[in-house]
Amino acid sequence: MEEPQNECLFRCFRDRIQASELIADRLASYQGEHPLVLGIPRGAMPMAQLIADRLEGDLDVVLVHKIGAPDNPEFAIGSVSEFGTLYRSRALDRYRISSEYFIRSATEEISKLKERRRAYSPVGPATRSNGRIVILIDDGIATGSTLLAAVRAIRSQNPHQLIVATPVASLEAAHAVEREADLFVALETPEEFLSISEFYNDFPQVSDREVIQILSEARLKELHQNSSLTRTTRKVA
Protein backbone atom coordinates (compact mmCIF):
# COMPACT_ATOMS: atom_id res chain seq x y z
CA MET A 1 0.00 0.00 0.00
CA GLU A 2 1.34 3.44 -0.93
CA GLU A 3 1.93 5.93 1.86
CA PRO A 4 -0.33 9.01 1.76
CA GLN A 5 1.30 12.11 0.34
CA ASN A 6 1.25 15.60 1.76
CA GLU A 7 -1.46 17.94 0.54
CA CYS A 8 0.14 21.30 -0.15
CA LEU A 9 -1.74 24.53 0.26
CA PHE A 10 1.18 26.36 -1.43
CA ARG A 11 3.92 25.45 -3.86
CA CYS A 12 5.28 21.98 -3.09
CA PHE A 13 8.17 20.02 -4.50
CA ARG A 14 7.38 16.53 -5.71
CA ASP A 15 10.35 15.11 -3.80
CA ARG A 16 13.99 15.82 -3.02
CA ILE A 17 15.08 14.76 -6.51
CA GLN A 18 12.89 17.33 -8.24
CA ALA A 19 14.02 20.01 -5.79
CA SER A 20 17.70 19.20 -6.35
CA GLU A 21 17.24 19.31 -10.13
CA LEU A 22 15.80 22.81 -9.82
CA ILE A 23 18.72 23.88 -7.62
CA ALA A 24 21.22 22.38 -10.07
CA ASP A 25 19.58 24.45 -12.83
CA ARG A 26 20.05 27.60 -10.74
CA LEU A 27 23.71 26.74 -10.15
CA ALA A 28 24.47 25.64 -13.71
CA SER A 29 27.10 28.39 -14.11
CA TYR A 30 29.34 26.47 -11.67
CA GLN A 31 29.53 23.43 -13.92
CA GLY A 32 33.14 22.92 -14.90
CA GLU A 33 34.41 24.84 -11.84
CA HIS A 34 34.87 21.56 -9.90
CA PRO A 35 32.95 22.72 -6.81
CA LEU A 36 32.89 20.82 -3.54
CA VAL A 37 29.26 19.98 -2.78
CA LEU A 38 28.53 19.32 0.90
CA GLY A 39 25.27 17.87 2.17
CA ILE A 40 23.87 18.10 5.68
CA PRO A 41 22.80 14.60 6.71
CA ARG A 42 20.80 12.89 6.43
CA GLY A 43 18.04 14.31 4.24
CA ALA A 44 20.18 16.56 2.04
CA MET A 45 22.62 13.86 0.94
CA PRO A 46 20.60 12.46 -2.02
CA MET A 47 20.19 16.07 -3.17
CA ALA A 48 23.89 16.85 -2.79
CA GLN A 49 24.76 13.72 -4.77
CA LEU A 50 22.61 14.74 -7.73
CA ILE A 51 23.87 18.33 -7.67
CA ALA A 52 27.51 17.22 -7.47
CA ASP A 53 26.97 14.93 -10.45
CA ARG A 54 25.27 17.66 -12.49
CA LEU A 55 27.96 20.23 -11.71
CA GLU A 56 30.85 17.75 -12.08
CA GLY A 57 32.02 18.40 -8.53
CA ASP A 58 33.23 16.46 -5.51
CA LEU A 59 30.84 15.29 -2.82
CA ASP A 60 31.13 15.06 0.94
CA VAL A 61 29.10 15.52 4.09
CA VAL A 62 29.37 18.27 6.69
CA LEU A 63 28.45 17.18 10.18
CA VAL A 64 26.62 19.51 12.54
CA HIS A 65 24.15 19.05 15.37
CA LYS A 66 21.88 21.30 17.33
CA ILE A 67 22.28 21.85 21.06
CA GLY A 68 18.98 21.58 22.88
CA ALA A 69 17.76 23.54 25.88
CA PRO A 70 18.16 21.88 29.33
CA ASP A 71 14.44 21.28 29.81
CA ASN A 72 13.54 20.86 26.13
CA PRO A 73 16.10 19.02 23.95
CA GLU A 74 14.07 19.72 20.80
CA PHE A 75 14.38 23.49 21.28
CA ALA A 76 17.69 24.58 19.74
CA ILE A 77 19.79 27.10 21.64
CA GLY A 78 22.69 26.71 19.26
CA SER A 79 24.64 24.14 17.30
CA VAL A 80 28.12 22.75 16.80
CA SER A 81 30.12 21.31 13.90
CA GLU A 82 32.46 18.31 13.82
CA PHE A 83 35.36 20.81 13.71
CA GLY A 84 34.27 22.42 16.98
CA THR A 85 32.73 25.53 15.41
CA LEU A 86 29.95 26.85 17.65
CA TYR A 87 26.81 28.79 16.83
CA ARG A 88 25.01 30.39 19.77
CA SER A 89 21.43 31.48 19.20
CA ARG A 90 19.83 34.48 20.86
CA ALA A 91 17.80 32.05 22.97
CA LEU A 92 20.90 31.30 25.01
CA ASP A 93 20.78 34.76 26.59
CA ARG A 94 17.03 35.20 26.37
CA TYR A 95 16.41 32.17 28.59
CA ARG A 96 19.54 32.74 30.71
CA ILE A 97 21.06 29.36 29.93
CA SER A 98 24.50 29.02 31.45
CA SER A 99 27.64 28.96 29.32
CA GLU A 100 28.79 25.94 31.31
CA TYR A 101 25.78 23.95 30.11
CA PHE A 102 26.32 25.08 26.53
CA ILE A 103 30.02 24.18 26.46
CA ARG A 104 29.44 20.82 28.16
CA SER A 105 26.70 19.94 25.67
CA ALA A 106 28.83 21.10 22.75
CA THR A 107 31.74 18.92 23.88
CA GLU A 108 29.47 15.88 24.07
CA GLU A 109 28.03 16.57 20.60
CA ILE A 110 31.49 17.02 19.04
CA SER A 111 32.47 13.59 20.32
CA LYS A 112 29.32 12.07 18.77
CA LEU A 113 29.94 13.86 15.46
CA LYS A 114 33.49 12.51 15.28
CA GLU A 115 32.14 8.99 15.78
CA ARG A 116 29.62 9.64 13.01
CA ARG A 117 32.39 10.85 10.69
CA ARG A 118 34.28 7.60 11.27
CA ALA A 119 31.14 5.66 10.33
CA TYR A 120 30.44 7.77 7.24
CA SER A 121 34.03 8.13 6.00
CA PRO A 122 36.12 5.25 7.38
CA VAL A 123 38.71 5.61 4.61
CA GLY A 124 39.63 9.22 5.26
CA PRO A 125 38.91 12.57 6.90
CA ALA A 126 36.55 15.27 5.69
CA THR A 127 37.36 16.88 2.34
CA ARG A 128 39.04 20.23 2.94
CA SER A 129 37.30 23.36 1.72
CA ASN A 130 40.19 25.79 1.58
CA GLY A 131 40.54 27.61 -1.73
CA ARG A 132 37.54 25.88 -3.27
CA ILE A 133 34.08 26.84 -4.41
CA VAL A 134 31.89 25.16 -1.79
CA ILE A 135 28.17 24.56 -2.24
CA LEU A 136 26.37 23.66 0.98
CA ILE A 137 23.05 21.86 0.48
CA ASP A 138 20.17 21.42 2.92
CA ASP A 139 16.70 20.05 2.13
CA GLY A 140 15.08 22.89 4.05
CA ILE A 141 16.01 25.53 6.61
CA ALA A 142 13.58 26.23 9.45
CA THR A 143 15.45 28.14 12.17
CA GLY A 144 18.89 28.20 10.55
CA SER A 145 20.65 27.20 13.77
CA THR A 146 22.18 23.98 12.48
CA LEU A 147 22.88 25.38 9.02
CA LEU A 148 24.77 28.37 10.41
CA ALA A 149 27.12 26.10 12.36
CA ALA A 150 27.93 24.40 9.07
CA VAL A 151 28.45 27.73 7.32
CA ARG A 152 30.87 28.91 10.00
CA ALA A 153 32.71 25.58 10.03
CA ILE A 154 33.29 25.83 6.28
CA ARG A 155 34.16 29.52 6.45
CA SER A 156 36.91 28.73 8.98
CA GLN A 157 38.65 26.69 6.25
CA ASN A 158 38.91 29.71 3.93
CA PRO A 159 36.96 28.59 0.86
CA HIS A 160 37.22 30.62 -2.32
CA GLN A 161 33.43 31.03 -2.36
CA LEU A 162 30.73 29.71 -0.05
CA ILE A 163 27.29 29.09 -1.51
CA VAL A 164 24.27 27.85 0.42
CA ALA A 165 21.39 26.34 -1.55
CA THR A 166 18.06 24.94 -0.38
CA PRO A 167 14.59 24.38 -1.81
CA VAL A 168 12.86 26.23 1.03
CA ALA A 169 13.79 28.45 3.96
CA SER A 170 11.88 30.49 6.50
CA LEU A 171 12.23 34.24 6.10
CA GLU A 172 14.10 34.53 9.39
CA ALA A 173 16.57 31.82 8.44
CA ALA A 174 17.01 33.25 4.95
CA HIS A 175 18.00 36.66 6.34
CA ALA A 176 20.48 35.05 8.76
CA VAL A 177 22.12 32.88 6.09
CA GLU A 178 22.31 35.71 3.55
CA ARG A 179 24.48 37.64 5.99
CA GLU A 180 27.07 34.85 6.22
CA ALA A 181 27.14 33.13 2.82
CA ASP A 182 28.67 34.61 -0.33
CA LEU A 183 25.59 33.48 -2.25
CA PHE A 184 22.30 32.15 -0.92
CA VAL A 185 19.85 30.32 -3.19
CA ALA A 186 16.39 29.46 -1.84
CA LEU A 187 13.67 28.45 -4.29
CA GLU A 188 10.96 29.37 -1.80
CA THR A 189 10.89 31.65 1.27
CA PRO A 190 7.30 31.46 2.55
CA GLU A 191 6.03 33.78 5.25
CA GLU A 192 4.42 30.87 7.11
CA PHE A 193 6.73 27.99 7.97
CA LEU A 194 5.82 25.12 10.28
CA SER A 195 7.99 22.22 9.11
CA ILE A 196 10.19 21.31 6.17
CA SER A 197 8.14 18.24 5.26
CA GLU A 198 5.06 20.34 4.48
CA PHE A 199 6.82 21.65 1.36
CA TYR A 200 7.23 18.20 -0.19
CA ASN A 201 4.66 15.79 -1.57
CA ASP A 202 7.01 12.89 -0.82
CA PHE A 203 9.51 13.32 2.02
CA PRO A 204 10.82 9.93 3.22
CA GLN A 205 13.43 9.54 5.90
CA VAL A 206 17.02 9.05 4.73
CA SER A 207 18.94 6.40 6.68
CA ASP A 208 22.58 6.31 7.75
CA ARG A 209 22.99 3.33 5.43
CA GLU A 210 21.89 5.45 2.47
CA VAL A 211 24.33 8.21 3.42
CA ILE A 212 27.21 5.71 3.68
CA GLN A 213 26.25 4.26 0.28
CA ILE A 214 26.16 7.72 -1.32
CA LEU A 215 29.57 8.64 0.12
CA SER A 216 31.07 5.27 -0.87
CA GLU A 217 29.90 5.78 -4.46
CA ALA A 218 31.38 9.27 -4.45
CA ARG A 219 34.75 7.99 -3.20
CA LEU A 220 34.86 5.26 -5.86
CA LYS A 221 34.00 7.79 -8.56
CA GLU A 222 36.73 10.14 -7.32
CA LEU A 223 39.31 7.33 -7.29
CA HIS A 224 38.34 6.34 -10.83
CA GLN A 225 38.63 9.92 -12.07
CA ASN A 226 42.03 10.37 -10.40
CA SER A 227 43.23 7.11 -11.89
CA SER A 228 42.07 8.15 -15.37
CA LEU A 229 43.78 11.53 -14.97
CA THR A 230 47.03 9.85 -13.92
CA ARG A 231 46.98 7.56 -16.97
CA THR A 232 46.30 10.51 -19.26
CA THR A 233 49.15 12.52 -17.73
CA ARG A 234 51.58 9.61 -18.20
CA LYS A 235 50.61 9.28 -21.88
CA VAL A 236 51.15 12.99 -22.48
CA ALA A 237 54.52 12.86 -20.71
C-alpha atoms as a PDB file:
ATOM      1  CA  MET A   1       0.000   0.000   0.000  1.00  0.00           C
ATOM      2  CA  GLU A   2       1.336   3.436  -0.932  1.00  0.00           C
ATOM      3  CA  GLU A   3       1.928   5.928   1.858  1.00  0.00           C
ATOM      4  CA  PRO A   4      -0.330   9.013   1.758  1.00  0.00           C
ATOM      5  CA  GLN A   5       1.295  12.115   0.338  1.00  0.00           C
ATOM      6  CA  ASN A   6       1.250  15.599   1.763  1.00  0.00           C
ATOM      7  CA  GLU A   7      -1.456  17.942   0.545  1.00  0.00           C
ATOM      8  CA  CYS A   8       0.142  21.299  -0.152  1.00  0.00           C
ATOM      9  CA  LEU A   9      -1.744  24.529   0.256  1.00  0.00           C
ATOM     10  CA  PHE A  10       1.179  26.359  -1.425  1.00  0.00           C
ATOM     11  CA  ARG A  11       3.919  25.448  -3.857  1.00  0.00           C
ATOM     12  CA  CYS A  12       5.277  21.985  -3.086  1.00  0.00           C
ATOM     13  CA  PHE A  13       8.165  20.022  -4.497  1.00  0.00           C
ATOM     14  CA  ARG A  14       7.385  16.533  -5.709  1.00  0.00           C
ATOM     15  CA  ASP A  15      10.347  15.111  -3.796  1.00  0.00           C
ATOM     16  CA  ARG A  16      13.994  15.815  -3.020  1.00  0.00           C
ATOM     17  CA  ILE A  17      15.077  14.758  -6.513  1.00  0.00           C
ATOM     18  CA  GLN A  18      12.894  17.332  -8.238  1.00  0.00           C
ATOM     19  CA  ALA A  19      14.020  20.005  -5.787  1.00  0.00           C
ATOM     20  CA  SER A  20      17.697  19.201  -6.349  1.00  0.00           C
ATOM     21  CA  GLU A  21      17.237  19.310 -10.132  1.00  0.00           C
ATOM     22  CA  LEU A  22      15.798  22.813  -9.816  1.00  0.00           C
ATOM     23  CA  ILE A  23      18.719  23.879  -7.624  1.00  0.00           C
ATOM     24  CA  ALA A  24      21.216  22.377 -10.073  1.00  0.00           C
ATOM     25  CA  ASP A  25      19.581  24.450 -12.826  1.00  0.00           C
ATOM     26  CA  ARG A  26      20.048  27.605 -10.738  1.00  0.00           C
ATOM     27  CA  LEU A  27      23.710  26.745 -10.153  1.00  0.00           C
ATOM     28  CA  ALA A  28      24.474  25.637 -13.708  1.00  0.00           C
ATOM     29  CA  SER A  29      27.101  28.390 -14.111  1.00  0.00           C
ATOM     30  CA  TYR A  30      29.335  26.468 -11.672  1.00  0.00           C
ATOM     31  CA  GLN A  31      29.527  23.425 -13.921  1.00  0.00           C
ATOM     32  CA  GLY A  32      33.145  22.923 -14.903  1.00  0.00           C
ATOM     33  CA  GLU A  33      34.408  24.835 -11.837  1.00  0.00           C
ATOM     34  CA  HIS A  34      34.869  21.562  -9.901  1.00  0.00           C
ATOM     35  CA  PRO A  35      32.954  22.719  -6.813  1.00  0.00           C
ATOM     36  CA  LEU A  36      32.893  20.820  -3.540  1.00  0.00           C
ATOM     37  CA  VAL A  37      29.259  19.981  -2.776  1.00  0.00           C
ATOM     38  CA  LEU A  38      28.533  19.318   0.897  1.00  0.00           C
ATOM     39  CA  GLY A  39      25.265  17.872   2.167  1.00  0.00           C
ATOM     40  CA  ILE A  40      23.867  18.097   5.675  1.00  0.00           C
ATOM     41  CA  PRO A  41      22.801  14.595   6.714  1.00  0.00           C
ATOM     42  CA  ARG A  42      20.796  12.887   6.429  1.00  0.00           C
ATOM     43  CA  GLY A  43      18.036  14.314   4.242  1.00  0.00           C
ATOM     44  CA  ALA A  44      20.181  16.558   2.043  1.00  0.00           C
ATOM     45  CA  MET A  45      22.619  13.860   0.945  1.00  0.00           C
ATOM     46  CA  PRO A  46      20.600  12.464  -2.018  1.00  0.00           C
ATOM     47  CA  MET A  47      20.188  16.067  -3.167  1.00  0.00           C
ATOM     48  CA  ALA A  48      23.889  16.854  -2.786  1.00  0.00           C
ATOM     49  CA  GLN A  49      24.765  13.724  -4.772  1.00  0.00           C
ATOM     50  CA  LEU A  50      22.607  14.736  -7.732  1.00  0.00           C
ATOM     51  CA  ILE A  51      23.869  18.331  -7.666  1.00  0.00           C
ATOM     52  CA  ALA A  52      27.509  17.221  -7.467  1.00  0.00           C
ATOM     53  CA  ASP A  53      26.973  14.929 -10.455  1.00  0.00           C
ATOM     54  CA  ARG A  54      25.268  17.659 -12.488  1.00  0.00           C
ATOM     55  CA  LEU A  55      27.963  20.234 -11.707  1.00  0.00           C
ATOM     56  CA  GLU A  56      30.845  17.747 -12.077  1.00  0.00           C
ATOM     57  CA  GLY A  57      32.025  18.404  -8.534  1.00  0.00           C
ATOM     58  CA  ASP A  58      33.230  16.464  -5.513  1.00  0.00           C
ATOM     59  CA  LEU A  59      30.838  15.294  -2.816  1.00  0.00           C
ATOM     60  CA  ASP A  60      31.133  15.056   0.943  1.00  0.00           C
ATOM     61  CA  VAL A  61      29.100  15.515   4.088  1.00  0.00           C
ATOM     62  CA  VAL A  62      29.371  18.275   6.687  1.00  0.00           C
ATOM     63  CA  LEU A  63      28.446  17.178  10.183  1.00  0.00           C
ATOM     64  CA  VAL A  64      26.620  19.514  12.543  1.00  0.00           C
ATOM     65  CA  HIS A  65      24.147  19.050  15.371  1.00  0.00           C
ATOM     66  CA  LYS A  66      21.876  21.298  17.332  1.00  0.00           C
ATOM     67  CA  ILE A  67      22.283  21.855  21.060  1.00  0.00           C
ATOM     68  CA  GLY A  68      18.975  21.580  22.878  1.00  0.00           C
ATOM     69  CA  ALA A  69      17.755  23.539  25.884  1.00  0.00           C
ATOM     70  CA  PRO A  70      18.161  21.879  29.330  1.00  0.00           C
ATOM     71  CA  ASP A  71      14.439  21.284  29.810  1.00  0.00           C
ATOM     72  CA  ASN A  72      13.543  20.858  26.129  1.00  0.00           C
ATOM     73  CA  PRO A  73      16.100  19.018  23.954  1.00  0.00           C
ATOM     74  CA  GLU A  74      14.075  19.723  20.798  1.00  0.00           C
ATOM     75  CA  PHE A  75      14.380  23.487  21.282  1.00  0.00           C
ATOM     76  CA  ALA A  76      17.694  24.580  19.739  1.00  0.00           C
ATOM     77  CA  ILE A  77      19.788  27.104  21.638  1.00  0.00           C
ATOM     78  CA  GLY A  78      22.690  26.709  19.260  1.00  0.00           C
ATOM     79  CA  SER A  79      24.644  24.141  17.301  1.00  0.00           C
ATOM     80  CA  VAL A  80      28.120  22.749  16.800  1.00  0.00           C
ATOM     81  CA  SER A  81      30.122  21.307  13.901  1.00  0.00           C
ATOM     82  CA  GLU A  82      32.462  18.309  13.818  1.00  0.00           C
ATOM     83  CA  PHE A  83      35.361  20.811  13.708  1.00  0.00           C
ATOM     84  CA  GLY A  84      34.272  22.419  16.977  1.00  0.00           C
ATOM     85  CA  THR A  85      32.731  25.530  15.415  1.00  0.00           C
ATOM     86  CA  LEU A  86      29.949  26.855  17.647  1.00  0.00           C
ATOM     87  CA  TYR A  87      26.813  28.787  16.830  1.00  0.00           C
ATOM     88  CA  ARG A  88      25.008  30.391  19.774  1.00  0.00           C
ATOM     89  CA  SER A  89      21.435  31.478  19.199  1.00  0.00           C
ATOM     90  CA  ARG A  90      19.833  34.477  20.865  1.00  0.00           C
ATOM     91  CA  ALA A  91      17.798  32.048  22.968  1.00  0.00           C
ATOM     92  CA  LEU A  92      20.905  31.303  25.009  1.00  0.00           C
ATOM     93  CA  ASP A  93      20.781  34.764  26.590  1.00  0.00           C
ATOM     94  CA  ARG A  94      17.035  35.196  26.372  1.00  0.00           C
ATOM     95  CA  TYR A  95      16.410  32.171  28.592  1.00  0.00           C
ATOM     96  CA  ARG A  96      19.537  32.742  30.710  1.00  0.00           C
ATOM     97  CA  ILE A  97      21.060  29.365  29.935  1.00  0.00           C
ATOM     98  CA  SER A  98      24.495  29.019  31.454  1.00  0.00           C
ATOM     99  CA  SER A  99      27.640  28.963  29.323  1.00  0.00           C
ATOM    100  CA  GLU A 100      28.787  25.939  31.313  1.00  0.00           C
ATOM    101  CA  TYR A 101      25.783  23.945  30.111  1.00  0.00           C
ATOM    102  CA  PHE A 102      26.316  25.081  26.525  1.00  0.00           C
ATOM    103  CA  ILE A 103      30.020  24.176  26.461  1.00  0.00           C
ATOM    104  CA  ARG A 104      29.435  20.824  28.162  1.00  0.00           C
ATOM    105  CA  SER A 105      26.698  19.939  25.669  1.00  0.00           C
ATOM    106  CA  ALA A 106      28.826  21.104  22.746  1.00  0.00           C
ATOM    107  CA  THR A 107      31.740  18.918  23.879  1.00  0.00           C
ATOM    108  CA  GLU A 108      29.466  15.881  24.067  1.00  0.00           C
ATOM    109  CA  GLU A 109      28.035  16.568  20.603  1.00  0.00           C
ATOM    110  CA  ILE A 110      31.485  17.024  19.036  1.00  0.00           C
ATOM    111  CA  SER A 111      32.473  13.587  20.316  1.00  0.00           C
ATOM    112  CA  LYS A 112      29.319  12.067  18.771  1.00  0.00           C
ATOM    113  CA  LEU A 113      29.942  13.859  15.460  1.00  0.00           C
ATOM    114  CA  LYS A 114      33.490  12.506  15.276  1.00  0.00           C
ATOM    115  CA  GLU A 115      32.137   8.992  15.777  1.00  0.00           C
ATOM    116  CA  ARG A 116      29.622   9.637  13.013  1.00  0.00           C
ATOM    117  CA  ARG A 117      32.388  10.850  10.692  1.00  0.00           C
ATOM    118  CA  ARG A 118      34.279   7.604  11.265  1.00  0.00           C
ATOM    119  CA  ALA A 119      31.141   5.662  10.334  1.00  0.00           C
ATOM    120  CA  TYR A 120      30.441   7.774   7.244  1.00  0.00           C
ATOM    121  CA  SER A 121      34.027   8.128   5.998  1.00  0.00           C
ATOM    122  CA  PRO A 122      36.119   5.249   7.380  1.00  0.00           C
ATOM    123  CA  VAL A 123      38.713   5.613   4.609  1.00  0.00           C
ATOM    124  CA  GLY A 124      39.633   9.223   5.256  1.00  0.00           C
ATOM    125  CA  PRO A 125      38.906  12.574   6.900  1.00  0.00           C
ATOM    126  CA  ALA A 126      36.545  15.269   5.694  1.00  0.00           C
ATOM    127  CA  THR A 127      37.365  16.876   2.343  1.00  0.00           C
ATOM    128  CA  ARG A 128      39.044  20.228   2.940  1.00  0.00           C
ATOM    129  CA  SER A 129      37.299  23.363   1.719  1.00  0.00           C
ATOM    130  CA  ASN A 130      40.194  25.794   1.580  1.00  0.00           C
ATOM    131  CA  GLY A 131      40.545  27.615  -1.728  1.00  0.00           C
ATOM    132  CA  ARG A 132      37.538  25.879  -3.274  1.00  0.00           C
ATOM    133  CA  ILE A 133      34.077  26.839  -4.409  1.00  0.00           C
ATOM    134  CA  VAL A 134      31.891  25.163  -1.787  1.00  0.00           C
ATOM    135  CA  ILE A 135      28.174  24.562  -2.239  1.00  0.00           C
ATOM    136  CA  LEU A 136      26.366  23.656   0.976  1.00  0.00           C
ATOM    137  CA  ILE A 137      23.046  21.858   0.478  1.00  0.00           C
ATOM    138  CA  ASP A 138      20.168  21.420   2.918  1.00  0.00           C
ATOM    139  CA  ASP A 139      16.700  20.049   2.128  1.00  0.00           C
ATOM    140  CA  GLY A 140      15.076  22.893   4.049  1.00  0.00           C
ATOM    141  CA  ILE A 141      16.011  25.526   6.609  1.00  0.00           C
ATOM    142  CA  ALA A 142      13.584  26.225   9.451  1.00  0.00           C
ATOM    143  CA  THR A 143      15.451  28.142  12.174  1.00  0.00           C
ATOM    144  CA  GLY A 144      18.888  28.196  10.549  1.00  0.00           C
ATOM    145  CA  SER A 145      20.647  27.204  13.772  1.00  0.00           C
ATOM    146  CA  THR A 146      22.179  23.983  12.478  1.00  0.00           C
ATOM    147  CA  LEU A 147      22.880  25.381   9.025  1.00  0.00           C
ATOM    148  CA  LEU A 148      24.774  28.375  10.414  1.00  0.00           C
ATOM    149  CA  ALA A 149      27.116  26.101  12.359  1.00  0.00           C
ATOM    150  CA  ALA A 150      27.927  24.396   9.068  1.00  0.00           C
ATOM    151  CA  VAL A 151      28.452  27.734   7.321  1.00  0.00           C
ATOM    152  CA  ARG A 152      30.873  28.911  10.003  1.00  0.00           C
ATOM    153  CA  ALA A 153      32.713  25.581  10.025  1.00  0.00           C
ATOM    154  CA  ILE A 154      33.291  25.826   6.281  1.00  0.00           C
ATOM    155  CA  ARG A 155      34.159  29.524   6.449  1.00  0.00           C
ATOM    156  CA  SER A 156      36.905  28.734   8.984  1.00  0.00           C
ATOM    157  CA  GLN A 157      38.648  26.693   6.253  1.00  0.00           C
ATOM    158  CA  ASN A 158      38.910  29.711   3.934  1.00  0.00           C
ATOM    159  CA  PRO A 159      36.962  28.592   0.864  1.00  0.00           C
ATOM    160  CA  HIS A 160      37.224  30.623  -2.323  1.00  0.00           C
ATOM    161  CA  GLN A 161      33.430  31.035  -2.360  1.00  0.00           C
ATOM    162  CA  LEU A 162      30.734  29.705  -0.048  1.00  0.00           C
ATOM    163  CA  ILE A 163      27.288  29.087  -1.515  1.00  0.00           C
ATOM    164  CA  VAL A 164      24.266  27.847   0.419  1.00  0.00           C
ATOM    165  CA  ALA A 165      21.385  26.339  -1.549  1.00  0.00           C
ATOM    166  CA  THR A 166      18.064  24.938  -0.380  1.00  0.00           C
ATOM    167  CA  PRO A 167      14.586  24.379  -1.810  1.00  0.00           C
ATOM    168  CA  VAL A 168      12.856  26.230   1.033  1.00  0.00           C
ATOM    169  CA  ALA A 169      13.788  28.455   3.961  1.00  0.00           C
ATOM    170  CA  SER A 170      11.876  30.491   6.505  1.00  0.00           C
ATOM    171  CA  LEU A 171      12.227  34.237   6.104  1.00  0.00           C
ATOM    172  CA  GLU A 172      14.102  34.535   9.386  1.00  0.00           C
ATOM    173  CA  ALA A 173      16.574  31.817   8.436  1.00  0.00           C
ATOM    174  CA  ALA A 174      17.007  33.250   4.950  1.00  0.00           C
ATOM    175  CA  HIS A 175      17.998  36.657   6.336  1.00  0.00           C
ATOM    176  CA  ALA A 176      20.482  35.045   8.756  1.00  0.00           C
ATOM    177  CA  VAL A 177      22.122  32.878   6.090  1.00  0.00           C
ATOM    178  CA  GLU A 178      22.309  35.710   3.550  1.00  0.00           C
ATOM    179  CA  ARG A 179      24.480  37.638   5.994  1.00  0.00           C
ATOM    180  CA  GLU A 180      27.065  34.847   6.224  1.00  0.00           C
ATOM    181  CA  ALA A 181      27.139  33.135   2.822  1.00  0.00           C
ATOM    182  CA  ASP A 182      28.667  34.608  -0.333  1.00  0.00           C
ATOM    183  CA  LEU A 183      25.591  33.485  -2.251  1.00  0.00           C
ATOM    184  CA  PHE A 184      22.298  32.145  -0.920  1.00  0.00           C
ATOM    185  CA  VAL A 185      19.854  30.320  -3.190  1.00  0.00           C
ATOM    186  CA  ALA A 186      16.385  29.462  -1.845  1.00  0.00           C
ATOM    187  CA  LEU A 187      13.673  28.450  -4.288  1.00  0.00           C
ATOM    188  CA  GLU A 188      10.955  29.368  -1.803  1.00  0.00           C
ATOM    189  CA  THR A 189      10.893  31.652   1.274  1.00  0.00           C
ATOM    190  CA  PRO A 190       7.298  31.462   2.549  1.00  0.00           C
ATOM    191  CA  GLU A 191       6.025  33.777   5.249  1.00  0.00           C
ATOM    192  CA  GLU A 192       4.416  30.867   7.111  1.00  0.00           C
ATOM    193  CA  PHE A 193       6.727  27.988   7.968  1.00  0.00           C
ATOM    194  CA  LEU A 194       5.822  25.120  10.282  1.00  0.00           C
ATOM    195  CA  SER A 195       7.987  22.222   9.111  1.00  0.00           C
ATOM    196  CA  ILE A 196      10.187  21.313   6.165  1.00  0.00           C
ATOM    197  CA  SER A 197       8.145  18.239   5.257  1.00  0.00           C
ATOM    198  CA  GLU A 198       5.061  20.337   4.479  1.00  0.00           C
ATOM    199  CA  PHE A 199       6.819  21.648   1.365  1.00  0.00           C
ATOM    200  CA  TYR A 200       7.231  18.204  -0.188  1.00  0.00           C
ATOM    201  CA  ASN A 201       4.656  15.788  -1.566  1.00  0.00           C
ATOM    202  CA  ASP A 202       7.013  12.894  -0.824  1.00  0.00           C
ATOM    203  CA  PHE A 203       9.509  13.323   2.024  1.00  0.00           C
ATOM    204  CA  PRO A 204      10.817   9.932   3.220  1.00  0.00           C
ATOM    205  CA  GLN A 205      13.433   9.536   5.905  1.00  0.00           C
ATOM    206  CA  VAL A 206      17.018   9.054   4.727  1.00  0.00           C
ATOM    207  CA  SER A 207      18.938   6.405   6.677  1.00  0.00           C
ATOM    208  CA  ASP A 208      22.576   6.311   7.746  1.00  0.00           C
ATOM    209  CA  ARG A 209      22.986   3.327   5.432  1.00  0.00           C
ATOM    210  CA  GLU A 210      21.887   5.448   2.472  1.00  0.00           C
ATOM    211  CA  VAL A 211      24.331   8.208   3.421  1.00  0.00           C
ATOM    212  CA  ILE A 212      27.206   5.714   3.680  1.00  0.00           C
ATOM    213  CA  GLN A 213      26.249   4.263   0.283  1.00  0.00           C
ATOM    214  CA  ILE A 214      26.165   7.723  -1.320  1.00  0.00           C
ATOM    215  CA  LEU A 215      29.573   8.642   0.118  1.00  0.00           C
ATOM    216  CA  SER A 216      31.068   5.274  -0.874  1.00  0.00           C
ATOM    217  CA  GLU A 217      29.897   5.778  -4.464  1.00  0.00           C
ATOM    218  CA  ALA A 218      31.383   9.274  -4.450  1.00  0.00           C
ATOM    219  CA  ARG A 219      34.747   7.986  -3.199  1.00  0.00           C
ATOM    220  CA  LEU A 220      34.859   5.260  -5.859  1.00  0.00           C
ATOM    221  CA  LYS A 221      34.001   7.793  -8.556  1.00  0.00           C
ATOM    222  CA  GLU A 222      36.728  10.140  -7.319  1.00  0.00           C
ATOM    223  CA  LEU A 223      39.310   7.327  -7.288  1.00  0.00           C
ATOM    224  CA  HIS A 224      38.338   6.338 -10.830  1.00  0.00           C
ATOM    225  CA  GLN A 225      38.629   9.918 -12.065  1.00  0.00           C
ATOM    226  CA  ASN A 226      42.026  10.375 -10.397  1.00  0.00           C
ATOM    227  CA  SER A 227      43.228   7.107 -11.890  1.00  0.00           C
ATOM    228  CA  SER A 228      42.067   8.150 -15.368  1.00  0.00           C
ATOM    229  CA  LEU A 229      43.776  11.530 -14.972  1.00  0.00           C
ATOM    230  CA  THR A 230      47.034   9.847 -13.918  1.00  0.00           C
ATOM    231  CA  ARG A 231      46.983   7.561 -16.975  1.00  0.00           C
ATOM    232  CA  THR A 232      46.302  10.512 -19.265  1.00  0.00           C
ATOM    233  CA  THR A 233      49.150  12.515 -17.726  1.00  0.00           C
ATOM    234  CA  ARG A 234      51.578   9.612 -18.198  1.00  0.00           C
ATOM    235  CA  LYS A 235      50.608   9.275 -21.876  1.00  0.00           C
ATOM    236  CA  VAL A 236      51.149  12.992 -22.481  1.00  0.00           C
ATOM    237  CA  ALA A 237      54.517  12.861 -20.707  1.00  0.00           C
END
